[in-house]
Amino acid sequence: MSLIDKLQWRYATKKMDSSKAVPQEKLDEILEAIRLTASSSGLQPYEVIVITNKEIRQKIRAIANDQSQVTDCSHLLVFAAWDNYTADRINAAFDMTEEIRNFKSDSGTAYRQMLLNSYPARSAEVNFTHTAKQAYIGLGTALIAAAYEQVDSTPMEGFDAKALDEILNLKDGGLRSVVILPLGYRKADEDWLVNLKKVRRAKANFISWLN
């Protein structure tokens, strides 16, 4: 199967088979794809929390409109974005870059200072909106990586974010939940969506060319 074939295969799975677990090597590939994905200024301003604990997932299901995928999936991913940009967080990212690349450039120093002058001065809510957008880039990569591994997934925004933050104590880590992603395997005989045709806008109504 080509990548396009696998994207045709994927859909937002409505019923997952709780008896089937995603192999560790497939999970590792999906998580590594998220880690390697793009982010603004390379800051990676979010974290991914992998939840297998049944009791925690029951609590999350209760604040996620009772969506069964939360408890029936193999692994539940929570994308949690930084609640704000701080000088410490920005400096840590640039310090890591300089250490790994083993050099320090004038342009890098100037860019660091530009971010230090602008990001922390903005409101926390403005900054969270930006970090949350970066988390969605990771979500998109996760969906593609899962399809490539032929692992089913269901991106979800339908949950009480404040309640989830409390369940996972995210505030203590300077994080806020953005979106969750159950990973697992479809239970085809109980999923009403599995055999329906994928519906997407035609290319002519979706892609424009300026030549």
N, C-alpha and C. Protein backbone atom coordinates (compact mmCIF):
# COMPACT_ATOMS: atom_id res chain seq x y z
N MET A 1 0.84 -1.20 0.00
CA MET A 1 0.00 0.00 0.00
C MET A 1 0.88 1.25 0.00
N SER A 2 0.52 2.21 -0.85
CA SER A 2 1.21 3.49 -0.83
C SER A 2 0.72 4.32 0.35
N LEU A 3 1.38 5.44 0.61
CA LEU A 3 0.93 6.32 1.68
C LEU A 3 -0.49 6.80 1.42
N ILE A 4 -0.80 7.14 0.17
CA ILE A 4 -2.15 7.60 -0.16
C ILE A 4 -3.16 6.49 0.08
N ASP A 5 -2.80 5.26 -0.27
CA ASP A 5 -3.69 4.13 0.00
C ASP A 5 -3.97 4.01 1.49
N LYS A 6 -2.95 4.21 2.30
CA LYS A 6 -3.12 4.08 3.74
C LYS A 6 -3.94 5.24 4.31
N LEU A 7 -3.81 6.42 3.71
CA LEU A 7 -4.65 7.54 4.14
C LEU A 7 -6.10 7.33 3.71
N GLN A 8 -6.30 6.66 2.59
CA GLN A 8 -7.66 6.28 2.20
C GLN A 8 -8.23 5.25 3.18
N TRP A 9 -7.37 4.40 3.69
CA TRP A 9 -7.78 3.34 4.62
C TRP A 9 -8.18 3.91 5.98
N ARG A 10 -7.50 4.96 6.42
CA ARG A 10 -7.75 5.48 7.76
C ARG A 10 -9.06 6.26 7.82
N TYR A 11 -9.65 6.27 8.99
CA TYR A 11 -10.84 7.07 9.26
C TYR A 11 -10.88 7.28 10.77
N ALA A 12 -11.75 8.16 11.21
CA ALA A 12 -11.88 8.40 12.65
C ALA A 12 -12.66 7.24 13.26
N THR A 13 -11.94 6.27 13.76
CA THR A 13 -12.53 5.02 14.23
C THR A 13 -13.51 5.27 15.37
N LYS A 14 -14.71 4.73 15.24
CA LYS A 14 -15.76 4.96 16.23
C LYS A 14 -15.86 3.85 17.28
N LYS A 15 -15.38 2.68 16.93
CA LYS A 15 -15.41 1.56 17.88
C LYS A 15 -14.11 0.79 17.79
N MET A 16 -13.42 0.70 18.93
CA MET A 16 -12.14 0.00 18.96
C MET A 16 -12.25 -1.32 19.71
N ASP A 17 -11.40 -2.24 19.32
CA ASP A 17 -11.37 -3.58 19.92
C ASP A 17 -10.43 -3.56 21.11
N SER A 18 -10.99 -3.61 22.30
CA SER A 18 -10.18 -3.51 23.52
C SER A 18 -9.27 -4.71 23.74
N SER A 19 -9.48 -5.79 23.00
CA SER A 19 -8.65 -6.99 23.16
C SER A 19 -7.36 -6.93 22.34
N LYS A 20 -7.25 -5.92 21.48
CA LYS A 20 -6.08 -5.84 20.60
C LYS A 20 -5.18 -4.68 21.02
N ALA A 21 -3.90 -5.01 21.22
CA ALA A 21 -2.93 -4.00 21.64
C ALA A 21 -2.02 -3.62 20.47
N VAL A 22 -1.67 -2.36 20.40
CA VAL A 22 -0.72 -1.89 19.40
C VAL A 22 0.68 -2.36 19.81
N PRO A 23 1.40 -3.06 18.94
CA PRO A 23 2.75 -3.51 19.28
C PRO A 23 3.65 -2.33 19.64
N GLN A 24 4.56 -2.56 20.57
CA GLN A 24 5.43 -1.50 21.05
C GLN A 24 6.23 -0.86 19.93
N GLU A 25 6.68 -1.66 18.97
CA GLU A 25 7.50 -1.10 17.89
C GLU A 25 6.69 -0.14 17.01
N LYS A 26 5.40 -0.42 16.82
CA LYS A 26 4.55 0.49 16.05
C LYS A 26 4.29 1.77 16.84
N LEU A 27 4.02 1.62 18.13
CA LEU A 27 3.82 2.79 18.98
C LEU A 27 5.07 3.67 18.99
N ASP A 28 6.23 3.04 19.10
CA ASP A 28 7.48 3.79 19.12
C ASP A 28 7.68 4.58 17.84
N GLU A 29 7.31 3.99 16.69
CA GLU A 29 7.44 4.68 15.41
C GLU A 29 6.53 5.90 15.36
N ILE A 30 5.31 5.76 15.84
CA ILE A 30 4.36 6.87 15.84
C ILE A 30 4.86 8.00 16.75
N LEU A 31 5.33 7.65 17.93
CA LEU A 31 5.82 8.66 18.87
C LEU A 31 7.07 9.34 18.35
N GLU A 32 7.94 8.59 17.69
CA GLU A 32 9.15 9.19 17.14
C GLU A 32 8.82 10.13 15.99
N ALA A 33 7.81 9.78 15.21
CA ALA A 33 7.37 10.67 14.13
C ALA A 33 6.88 12.00 14.71
N ILE A 34 6.14 11.93 15.81
CA ILE A 34 5.67 13.16 16.46
C ILE A 34 6.87 13.97 16.95
N ARG A 35 7.82 13.30 17.57
CA ARG A 35 9.00 14.00 18.11
C ARG A 35 9.80 14.70 17.02
N LEU A 36 9.83 14.09 15.83
CA LEU A 36 10.62 14.63 14.72
C LEU A 36 9.88 15.66 13.89
N THR A 37 8.61 15.91 14.17
CA THR A 37 7.83 16.79 13.32
C THR A 37 8.24 18.25 13.50
N ALA A 38 7.77 19.08 12.58
CA ALA A 38 8.11 20.50 12.60
C ALA A 38 7.43 21.23 13.76
N SER A 39 8.07 22.31 14.21
CA SER A 39 7.45 23.22 15.17
C SER A 39 8.05 24.60 14.97
N SER A 40 7.30 25.62 15.32
CA SER A 40 7.74 26.99 15.13
C SER A 40 9.03 27.26 15.90
N SER A 41 10.04 27.74 15.19
CA SER A 41 11.36 28.05 15.76
C SER A 41 12.02 26.83 16.41
N GLY A 42 11.49 25.65 16.13
CA GLY A 42 12.07 24.43 16.71
C GLY A 42 11.91 24.31 18.21
N LEU A 43 10.92 25.02 18.77
CA LEU A 43 10.78 25.05 20.22
C LEU A 43 10.07 23.82 20.79
N GLN A 44 9.33 23.10 19.96
CA GLN A 44 8.56 21.93 20.43
C GLN A 44 7.80 22.27 21.72
N PRO A 45 6.89 23.25 21.66
CA PRO A 45 6.26 23.75 22.88
C PRO A 45 5.06 22.93 23.36
N TYR A 46 5.20 21.63 23.35
CA TYR A 46 4.15 20.75 23.86
C TYR A 46 4.76 19.41 24.21
N GLU A 47 4.00 18.61 24.92
CA GLU A 47 4.44 17.27 25.29
C GLU A 47 3.34 16.28 24.94
N VAL A 48 3.73 15.02 24.81
CA VAL A 48 2.78 13.95 24.53
C VAL A 48 2.78 12.99 25.72
N ILE A 49 1.62 12.76 26.28
CA ILE A 49 1.46 11.86 27.42
C ILE A 49 0.76 10.60 26.93
N VAL A 50 1.37 9.45 27.16
CA VAL A 50 0.81 8.17 26.73
C VAL A 50 0.18 7.49 27.94
N ILE A 51 -1.11 7.21 27.84
CA ILE A 51 -1.84 6.66 28.98
C ILE A 51 -2.35 5.26 28.66
N THR A 52 -1.95 4.31 29.49
CA THR A 52 -2.49 2.95 29.40
C THR A 52 -3.26 2.58 30.67
N ASN A 53 -3.07 3.33 31.74
CA ASN A 53 -3.73 3.07 33.02
C ASN A 53 -5.25 3.08 32.86
N LYS A 54 -5.91 2.00 33.22
CA LYS A 54 -7.35 1.86 33.00
C LYS A 54 -8.16 2.82 33.86
N GLU A 55 -7.75 3.00 35.11
CA GLU A 55 -8.51 3.88 36.00
C GLU A 55 -8.47 5.33 35.51
N ILE A 56 -7.30 5.76 35.07
CA ILE A 56 -7.17 7.13 34.56
C ILE A 56 -8.01 7.31 33.31
N ARG A 57 -8.01 6.30 32.46
CA ARG A 57 -8.77 6.41 31.22
C ARG A 57 -10.28 6.40 31.49
N GLN A 58 -10.71 5.69 32.51
CA GLN A 58 -12.13 5.75 32.89
C GLN A 58 -12.50 7.15 33.33
N LYS A 59 -11.62 7.81 34.07
CA LYS A 59 -11.88 9.19 34.50
C LYS A 59 -11.94 10.12 33.29
N ILE A 60 -11.06 9.89 32.34
CA ILE A 60 -11.06 10.74 31.15
C ILE A 60 -12.31 10.50 30.32
N ARG A 61 -12.72 9.26 30.18
CA ARG A 61 -13.93 8.96 29.41
C ARG A 61 -15.13 9.70 29.99
N ALA A 62 -15.18 9.81 31.31
CA ALA A 62 -16.31 10.47 31.97
C ALA A 62 -16.37 11.96 31.64
N ILE A 63 -15.24 12.56 31.29
CA ILE A 63 -15.24 13.99 30.95
C ILE A 63 -15.01 14.19 29.45
N ALA A 64 -15.16 13.09 28.69
CA ALA A 64 -14.99 13.14 27.24
C ALA A 64 -16.23 12.61 26.53
N ASN A 65 -17.39 13.03 27.02
CA ASN A 65 -18.67 12.67 26.39
C ASN A 65 -18.86 11.16 26.28
N ASP A 66 -18.28 10.43 27.23
CA ASP A 66 -18.45 8.97 27.29
C ASP A 66 -18.04 8.28 25.99
N GLN A 67 -17.04 8.80 25.32
CA GLN A 67 -16.58 8.20 24.08
C GLN A 67 -15.80 6.92 24.38
N SER A 68 -16.29 5.81 23.86
CA SER A 68 -15.75 4.50 24.24
C SER A 68 -14.31 4.28 23.79
N GLN A 69 -13.87 4.98 22.76
CA GLN A 69 -12.51 4.80 22.27
C GLN A 69 -11.47 5.13 23.34
N VAL A 70 -11.83 6.01 24.26
CA VAL A 70 -10.90 6.43 25.31
C VAL A 70 -10.49 5.24 26.17
N THR A 71 -11.42 4.34 26.45
CA THR A 71 -11.12 3.18 27.28
C THR A 71 -10.86 1.92 26.47
N ASP A 72 -11.38 1.84 25.25
CA ASP A 72 -11.22 0.63 24.44
C ASP A 72 -9.95 0.62 23.61
N CYS A 73 -9.31 1.79 23.47
CA CYS A 73 -8.10 1.84 22.66
C CYS A 73 -6.94 1.14 23.37
N SER A 74 -5.88 0.96 22.63
CA SER A 74 -4.68 0.36 23.19
C SER A 74 -3.87 1.38 23.99
N HIS A 75 -3.68 2.56 23.41
CA HIS A 75 -2.93 3.64 24.05
C HIS A 75 -3.66 4.95 23.79
N LEU A 76 -3.75 5.78 24.81
CA LEU A 76 -4.37 7.09 24.68
C LEU A 76 -3.28 8.16 24.74
N LEU A 77 -3.17 8.95 23.67
CA LEU A 77 -2.20 10.04 23.65
C LEU A 77 -2.89 11.34 24.01
N VAL A 78 -2.26 12.10 24.89
CA VAL A 78 -2.74 13.44 25.23
C VAL A 78 -1.68 14.43 24.78
N PHE A 79 -2.08 15.36 23.92
CA PHE A 79 -1.18 16.43 23.48
C PHE A 79 -1.40 17.61 24.43
N ALA A 80 -0.37 17.95 25.18
CA ALA A 80 -0.46 19.01 26.19
C ALA A 80 0.54 20.11 25.87
N ALA A 81 0.03 21.30 25.61
CA ALA A 81 0.88 22.41 25.19
C ALA A 81 1.36 23.23 26.38
N TRP A 82 2.49 23.90 26.19
CA TRP A 82 2.97 24.82 27.21
C TRP A 82 1.89 25.86 27.49
N ASP A 83 1.72 26.20 28.75
CA ASP A 83 0.72 27.21 29.10
C ASP A 83 1.20 28.63 28.81
N ASN A 84 2.50 28.77 28.54
CA ASN A 84 3.06 30.09 28.27
C ASN A 84 4.48 29.93 27.76
N TYR A 85 4.97 30.95 27.10
CA TYR A 85 6.39 31.00 26.75
C TYR A 85 7.13 31.77 27.83
N THR A 86 8.21 31.21 28.33
CA THR A 86 9.03 31.88 29.33
C THR A 86 10.46 31.96 28.82
N ALA A 87 11.23 32.85 29.42
CA ALA A 87 12.64 32.97 29.05
C ALA A 87 13.36 31.65 29.28
N ASP A 88 13.05 30.98 30.37
CA ASP A 88 13.71 29.70 30.67
C ASP A 88 13.44 28.67 29.59
N ARG A 89 12.20 28.58 29.14
CA ARG A 89 11.85 27.60 28.12
C ARG A 89 12.52 27.92 26.79
N ILE A 90 12.52 29.18 26.42
CA ILE A 90 13.16 29.58 25.16
C ILE A 90 14.66 29.34 25.22
N ASN A 91 15.27 29.75 26.32
CA ASN A 91 16.72 29.56 26.46
C ASN A 91 17.09 28.09 26.46
N ALA A 92 16.29 27.26 27.10
CA ALA A 92 16.58 25.82 27.15
C ALA A 92 16.60 25.23 25.74
N ALA A 93 15.65 25.66 24.89
CA ALA A 93 15.58 25.15 23.52
C ALA A 93 16.81 25.57 22.72
N PHE A 94 17.20 26.82 22.83
CA PHE A 94 18.36 27.30 22.09
C PHE A 94 19.66 26.72 22.65
N ASP A 95 19.73 26.56 23.96
CA ASP A 95 20.92 25.93 24.55
C ASP A 95 21.10 24.51 24.04
N MET A 96 19.99 23.78 23.94
CA MET A 96 20.05 22.41 23.45
C MET A 96 20.53 22.37 22.00
N THR A 97 20.03 23.30 21.18
CA THR A 97 20.43 23.36 19.78
C THR A 97 21.94 23.61 19.67
N GLU A 98 22.44 24.55 20.44
CA GLU A 98 23.86 24.87 20.39
C GLU A 98 24.71 23.70 20.88
N GLU A 99 24.22 22.99 21.88
CA GLU A 99 24.97 21.85 22.41
C GLU A 99 25.02 20.71 21.39
N ILE A 100 23.88 20.40 20.79
CA ILE A 100 23.82 19.29 19.85
C ILE A 100 24.62 19.60 18.58
N ARG A 101 24.52 20.84 18.09
CA ARG A 101 25.22 21.22 16.86
C ARG A 101 26.67 21.64 17.11
N ASN A 102 26.97 21.83 18.39
CA ASN A 102 28.34 22.15 18.81
C ASN A 102 28.87 23.43 18.18
N PHE A 103 27.98 24.40 18.03
CA PHE A 103 28.46 25.72 17.62
C PHE A 103 27.41 26.77 17.97
N LYS A 104 27.87 28.00 18.06
CA LYS A 104 27.02 29.13 18.40
C LYS A 104 27.23 30.20 17.34
N SER A 105 26.14 30.65 16.73
CA SER A 105 26.24 31.62 15.64
C SER A 105 25.64 32.96 16.05
N ASP A 106 26.11 34.00 15.39
CA ASP A 106 25.56 35.33 15.64
C ASP A 106 24.07 35.38 15.27
N SER A 107 23.72 34.73 14.16
CA SER A 107 22.32 34.74 13.73
C SER A 107 21.44 34.00 14.72
N GLY A 108 21.96 32.89 15.26
CA GLY A 108 21.20 32.14 16.26
C GLY A 108 21.01 32.94 17.53
N THR A 109 22.06 33.64 17.96
CA THR A 109 21.97 34.48 19.16
C THR A 109 20.97 35.61 18.95
N ALA A 110 20.99 36.21 17.77
CA ALA A 110 20.06 37.30 17.47
C ALA A 110 18.62 36.80 17.44
N TYR A 111 18.43 35.61 16.86
CA TYR A 111 17.07 35.05 16.79
C TYR A 111 16.57 34.70 18.18
N ARG A 112 17.44 34.14 19.01
CA ARG A 112 17.07 33.84 20.40
C ARG A 112 16.61 35.11 21.10
N GLN A 113 17.38 36.18 20.93
CA GLN A 113 17.06 37.43 21.62
C GLN A 113 15.76 38.02 21.11
N MET A 114 15.51 37.85 19.82
CA MET A 114 14.25 38.34 19.26
C MET A 114 13.06 37.65 19.92
N LEU A 115 13.15 36.32 20.07
CA LEU A 115 12.07 35.60 20.73
C LEU A 115 11.95 35.99 22.20
N LEU A 116 13.09 36.15 22.86
CA LEU A 116 13.07 36.55 24.28
C LEU A 116 12.44 37.93 24.46
N ASN A 117 12.62 38.79 23.49
CA ASN A 117 12.07 40.14 23.58
C ASN A 117 10.57 40.17 23.29
N SER A 118 10.09 39.20 22.51
CA SER A 118 8.70 39.28 22.06
C SER A 118 7.77 38.28 22.74
N TYR A 119 8.13 37.01 22.81
CA TYR A 119 7.21 35.99 23.31
C TYR A 119 6.81 36.19 24.78
N PRO A 120 7.74 36.30 25.72
CA PRO A 120 7.33 36.43 27.12
C PRO A 120 6.54 37.70 27.41
N ALA A 121 6.65 38.69 26.54
CA ALA A 121 5.93 39.95 26.76
C ALA A 121 4.45 39.84 26.40
N ARG A 122 4.09 38.80 25.64
CA ARG A 122 2.70 38.62 25.25
C ARG A 122 1.92 37.98 26.39
N SER A 123 0.60 38.04 26.29
CA SER A 123 -0.23 37.43 27.34
C SER A 123 -0.10 35.91 27.29
N ALA A 124 -0.34 35.27 28.43
CA ALA A 124 -0.25 33.82 28.50
C ALA A 124 -1.26 33.17 27.55
N GLU A 125 -2.43 33.77 27.40
CA GLU A 125 -3.45 33.17 26.54
C GLU A 125 -3.04 33.25 25.07
N VAL A 126 -2.45 34.36 24.66
CA VAL A 126 -1.95 34.47 23.29
C VAL A 126 -0.87 33.42 23.04
N ASN A 127 0.02 33.26 24.01
CA ASN A 127 1.08 32.27 23.85
C ASN A 127 0.55 30.85 23.84
N PHE A 128 -0.46 30.57 24.66
CA PHE A 128 -1.04 29.22 24.66
C PHE A 128 -1.72 28.93 23.32
N THR A 129 -2.37 29.93 22.75
CA THR A 129 -2.97 29.73 21.43
C THR A 129 -1.91 29.31 20.42
N HIS A 130 -0.74 29.90 20.53
CA HIS A 130 0.36 29.57 19.61
C HIS A 130 0.91 28.18 19.89
N THR A 131 1.12 27.84 21.16
CA THR A 131 1.67 26.51 21.47
C THR A 131 0.67 25.42 21.11
N ALA A 132 -0.62 25.71 21.28
CA ALA A 132 -1.64 24.72 20.93
C ALA A 132 -1.62 24.44 19.43
N LYS A 133 -1.39 25.47 18.62
CA LYS A 133 -1.29 25.27 17.18
C LYS A 133 -0.12 24.34 16.84
N GLN A 134 0.96 24.47 17.58
CA GLN A 134 2.11 23.59 17.35
C GLN A 134 1.77 22.14 17.71
N ALA A 135 0.98 21.97 18.76
CA ALA A 135 0.55 20.62 19.14
C ALA A 135 -0.28 19.97 18.04
N TYR A 136 -1.06 20.80 17.32
CA TYR A 136 -1.87 20.25 16.23
C TYR A 136 -1.01 19.80 15.05
N ILE A 137 0.16 20.43 14.88
CA ILE A 137 1.09 19.92 13.86
C ILE A 137 1.52 18.51 14.25
N GLY A 138 1.81 18.31 15.54
CA GLY A 138 2.16 16.97 16.03
C GLY A 138 1.03 15.99 15.86
N LEU A 139 -0.20 16.44 16.08
CA LEU A 139 -1.36 15.57 15.89
C LEU A 139 -1.46 15.12 14.44
N GLY A 140 -1.28 16.05 13.51
CA GLY A 140 -1.36 15.70 12.10
C GLY A 140 -0.32 14.65 11.73
N THR A 141 0.89 14.83 12.24
CA THR A 141 1.94 13.85 11.99
C THR A 141 1.56 12.50 12.59
N ALA A 142 0.98 12.52 13.78
CA ALA A 142 0.58 11.27 14.45
C ALA A 142 -0.46 10.53 13.62
N LEU A 143 -1.41 11.24 13.05
CA LEU A 143 -2.45 10.61 12.24
C LEU A 143 -1.84 9.94 11.00
N ILE A 144 -0.92 10.62 10.37
CA ILE A 144 -0.27 10.06 9.18
C ILE A 144 0.60 8.87 9.56
N ALA A 145 1.36 9.01 10.66
CA ALA A 145 2.23 7.92 11.09
C ALA A 145 1.43 6.69 11.49
N ALA A 146 0.30 6.91 12.18
CA ALA A 146 -0.55 5.78 12.57
C ALA A 146 -1.11 5.08 11.33
N ALA A 147 -1.55 5.86 10.35
CA ALA A 147 -2.06 5.26 9.12
C ALA A 147 -0.97 4.46 8.42
N TYR A 148 0.24 5.00 8.40
CA TYR A 148 1.36 4.30 7.78
C TYR A 148 1.60 2.95 8.44
N GLU A 149 1.45 2.91 9.79
CA GLU A 149 1.64 1.67 10.55
C GLU A 149 0.37 0.82 10.57
N GLN A 150 -0.68 1.31 9.90
CA GLN A 150 -2.00 0.66 9.89
C GLN A 150 -2.52 0.43 11.31
N VAL A 151 -2.40 1.50 12.09
CA VAL A 151 -2.97 1.57 13.44
C VAL A 151 -4.11 2.57 13.37
N ASP A 152 -5.25 2.20 13.92
CA ASP A 152 -6.41 3.09 13.90
C ASP A 152 -6.27 4.20 14.94
N SER A 153 -6.93 5.31 14.65
CA SER A 153 -6.85 6.46 15.54
C SER A 153 -8.12 7.29 15.44
N THR A 154 -8.35 8.10 16.47
CA THR A 154 -9.52 8.97 16.51
C THR A 154 -9.15 10.28 17.19
N PRO A 155 -8.88 11.35 16.43
CA PRO A 155 -8.58 12.63 17.07
C PRO A 155 -9.82 13.18 17.77
N MET A 156 -9.64 13.67 18.99
CA MET A 156 -10.79 14.12 19.78
C MET A 156 -10.54 15.48 20.44
N GLU A 157 -11.47 16.38 20.22
CA GLU A 157 -11.51 17.64 20.96
C GLU A 157 -12.67 17.65 21.95
N GLY A 158 -13.54 16.66 21.86
CA GLY A 158 -14.74 16.62 22.68
C GLY A 158 -14.50 16.15 24.09
N PHE A 159 -13.82 17.00 24.87
CA PHE A 159 -13.58 16.68 26.27
C PHE A 159 -13.46 17.98 27.06
N ASP A 160 -13.60 17.88 28.36
CA ASP A 160 -13.48 19.03 29.25
C ASP A 160 -11.99 19.23 29.56
N ALA A 161 -11.39 20.20 28.90
CA ALA A 161 -9.95 20.39 29.01
C ALA A 161 -9.51 20.72 30.44
N LYS A 162 -10.28 21.55 31.12
CA LYS A 162 -9.91 21.91 32.50
C LYS A 162 -9.96 20.69 33.40
N ALA A 163 -10.96 19.85 33.20
CA ALA A 163 -11.07 18.63 34.01
C ALA A 163 -9.91 17.68 33.70
N LEU A 164 -9.55 17.56 32.43
CA LEU A 164 -8.44 16.68 32.07
C LEU A 164 -7.13 17.21 32.65
N ASP A 165 -6.97 18.53 32.62
CA ASP A 165 -5.77 19.12 33.22
C ASP A 165 -5.65 18.75 34.70
N GLU A 166 -6.79 18.73 35.38
CA GLU A 166 -6.80 18.38 36.80
C GLU A 166 -6.50 16.89 37.01
N ILE A 167 -7.09 16.04 36.18
CA ILE A 167 -6.86 14.60 36.31
C ILE A 167 -5.38 14.27 36.16
N LEU A 168 -4.72 14.95 35.22
CA LEU A 168 -3.31 14.66 34.92
C LEU A 168 -2.35 15.61 35.62
N ASN A 169 -2.87 16.52 36.43
CA ASN A 169 -2.02 17.49 37.14
C ASN A 169 -1.13 18.27 36.18
N LEU A 170 -1.69 18.66 35.06
CA LEU A 170 -0.89 19.33 34.04
C LEU A 170 -0.44 20.72 34.46
N LYS A 171 -1.23 21.39 35.27
CA LYS A 171 -0.88 22.75 35.69
C LYS A 171 0.47 22.77 36.39
N ASP A 172 0.76 21.72 37.17
CA ASP A 172 2.03 21.67 37.88
C ASP A 172 3.22 21.63 36.94
N GLY A 173 3.00 21.14 35.73
CA GLY A 173 4.08 21.08 34.74
C GLY A 173 4.03 22.21 33.74
N GLY A 174 3.17 23.18 34.00
CA GLY A 174 3.05 24.31 33.09
C GLY A 174 2.47 23.92 31.75
N LEU A 175 1.50 22.99 31.77
CA LEU A 175 0.91 22.46 30.55
C LEU A 175 -0.61 22.59 30.58
N ARG A 176 -1.21 22.58 29.39
CA ARG A 176 -2.66 22.54 29.24
C ARG A 176 -3.02 21.57 28.13
N SER A 177 -4.02 20.74 28.34
CA SER A 177 -4.41 19.76 27.34
C SER A 177 -5.03 20.46 26.12
N VAL A 178 -4.76 19.90 24.95
CA VAL A 178 -5.22 20.48 23.70
C VAL A 178 -6.11 19.51 22.93
N VAL A 179 -5.63 18.30 22.73
CA VAL A 179 -6.36 17.30 21.95
C VAL A 179 -5.90 15.93 22.40
N ILE A 180 -6.77 14.92 22.27
CA ILE A 180 -6.40 13.56 22.64
C ILE A 180 -6.55 12.64 21.43
N LEU A 181 -5.77 11.55 21.45
CA LEU A 181 -5.75 10.65 20.30
C LEU A 181 -5.68 9.19 20.76
N PRO A 182 -6.81 8.50 20.77
CA PRO A 182 -6.78 7.06 21.02
C PRO A 182 -6.13 6.33 19.84
N LEU A 183 -5.28 5.35 20.15
CA LEU A 183 -4.67 4.50 19.14
C LEU A 183 -5.07 3.06 19.42
N GLY A 184 -5.41 2.32 18.40
CA GLY A 184 -5.79 0.93 18.61
C GLY A 184 -6.18 0.28 17.30
N TYR A 185 -7.15 -0.63 17.38
CA TYR A 185 -7.61 -1.36 16.20
C TYR A 185 -9.13 -1.37 16.15
N ARG A 186 -9.65 -1.11 14.98
CA ARG A 186 -11.09 -1.01 14.79
C ARG A 186 -11.81 -2.32 15.11
N LYS A 187 -13.01 -2.18 15.66
CA LYS A 187 -13.89 -3.33 15.84
C LYS A 187 -14.94 -3.20 14.75
N ALA A 188 -14.60 -3.75 13.58
CA ALA A 188 -15.35 -3.46 12.36
C ALA A 188 -16.82 -3.84 12.44
N ASP A 189 -17.13 -4.93 13.12
CA ASP A 189 -18.53 -5.38 13.15
C ASP A 189 -19.42 -4.50 14.02
N GLU A 190 -18.82 -3.57 14.78
CA GLU A 190 -19.61 -2.68 15.63
C GLU A 190 -19.41 -1.20 15.30
N ASP A 191 -18.66 -0.93 14.22
CA ASP A 191 -18.36 0.45 13.87
C ASP A 191 -19.18 0.87 12.66
N TRP A 192 -20.10 1.79 12.87
CA TRP A 192 -21.02 2.21 11.81
C TRP A 192 -20.32 2.94 10.68
N LEU A 193 -19.12 3.47 10.95
CA LEU A 193 -18.44 4.30 9.96
C LEU A 193 -17.48 3.52 9.06
N VAL A 194 -17.14 2.30 9.47
CA VAL A 194 -16.03 1.59 8.83
C VAL A 194 -16.20 1.36 7.34
N ASN A 195 -17.40 1.10 6.87
CA ASN A 195 -17.61 0.77 5.46
C ASN A 195 -18.17 1.92 4.63
N LEU A 196 -18.32 3.08 5.24
CA LEU A 196 -18.82 4.23 4.49
C LEU A 196 -17.68 4.87 3.68
N LYS A 197 -18.03 5.41 2.53
CA LYS A 197 -17.02 6.03 1.68
C LYS A 197 -16.43 7.27 2.34
N LYS A 198 -15.14 7.46 2.14
CA LYS A 198 -14.49 8.67 2.63
C LYS A 198 -15.02 9.86 1.84
N VAL A 199 -15.35 10.92 2.53
CA VAL A 199 -15.90 12.12 1.89
C VAL A 199 -14.90 13.26 2.04
N ARG A 200 -14.41 13.75 0.93
CA ARG A 200 -13.50 14.89 0.90
C ARG A 200 -13.87 15.77 -0.28
N ARG A 201 -13.61 17.06 -0.17
CA ARG A 201 -13.86 17.97 -1.28
C ARG A 201 -13.02 17.57 -2.48
N ALA A 202 -13.56 17.80 -3.67
CA ALA A 202 -12.83 17.52 -4.90
C ALA A 202 -11.61 18.42 -4.99
N LYS A 203 -10.57 17.93 -5.66
CA LYS A 203 -9.34 18.71 -5.81
C LYS A 203 -9.61 20.09 -6.38
N ALA A 204 -10.51 20.15 -7.34
CA ALA A 204 -10.80 21.43 -8.00
C ALA A 204 -11.36 22.46 -7.05
N ASN A 205 -12.01 21.99 -5.98
CA ASN A 205 -12.59 22.91 -4.98
C ASN A 205 -11.71 23.06 -3.75
N PHE A 206 -10.54 22.45 -3.79
CA PHE A 206 -9.70 22.43 -2.60
C PHE A 206 -8.31 22.99 -2.87
N ILE A 207 -7.79 22.75 -4.07
CA ILE A 207 -6.43 23.16 -4.40
C ILE A 207 -6.47 24.19 -5.51
N SER A 208 -5.78 25.31 -5.30
CA SER A 208 -5.67 26.35 -6.32
C SER A 208 -4.23 26.45 -6.81
N TRP A 209 -4.08 26.77 -8.07
CA TRP A 209 -2.75 26.90 -8.67
C TRP A 209 -2.56 28.33 -9.16
N LEU A 210 -1.45 28.92 -8.83
CA LEU A 210 -1.08 30.24 -9.36
C LEU A 210 0.20 30.06 -10.16
N ASN A 211 0.06 30.04 -11.46
CA ASN A 211 1.22 29.78 -12.34
C ASN A 211 1.73 31.09 -12.97
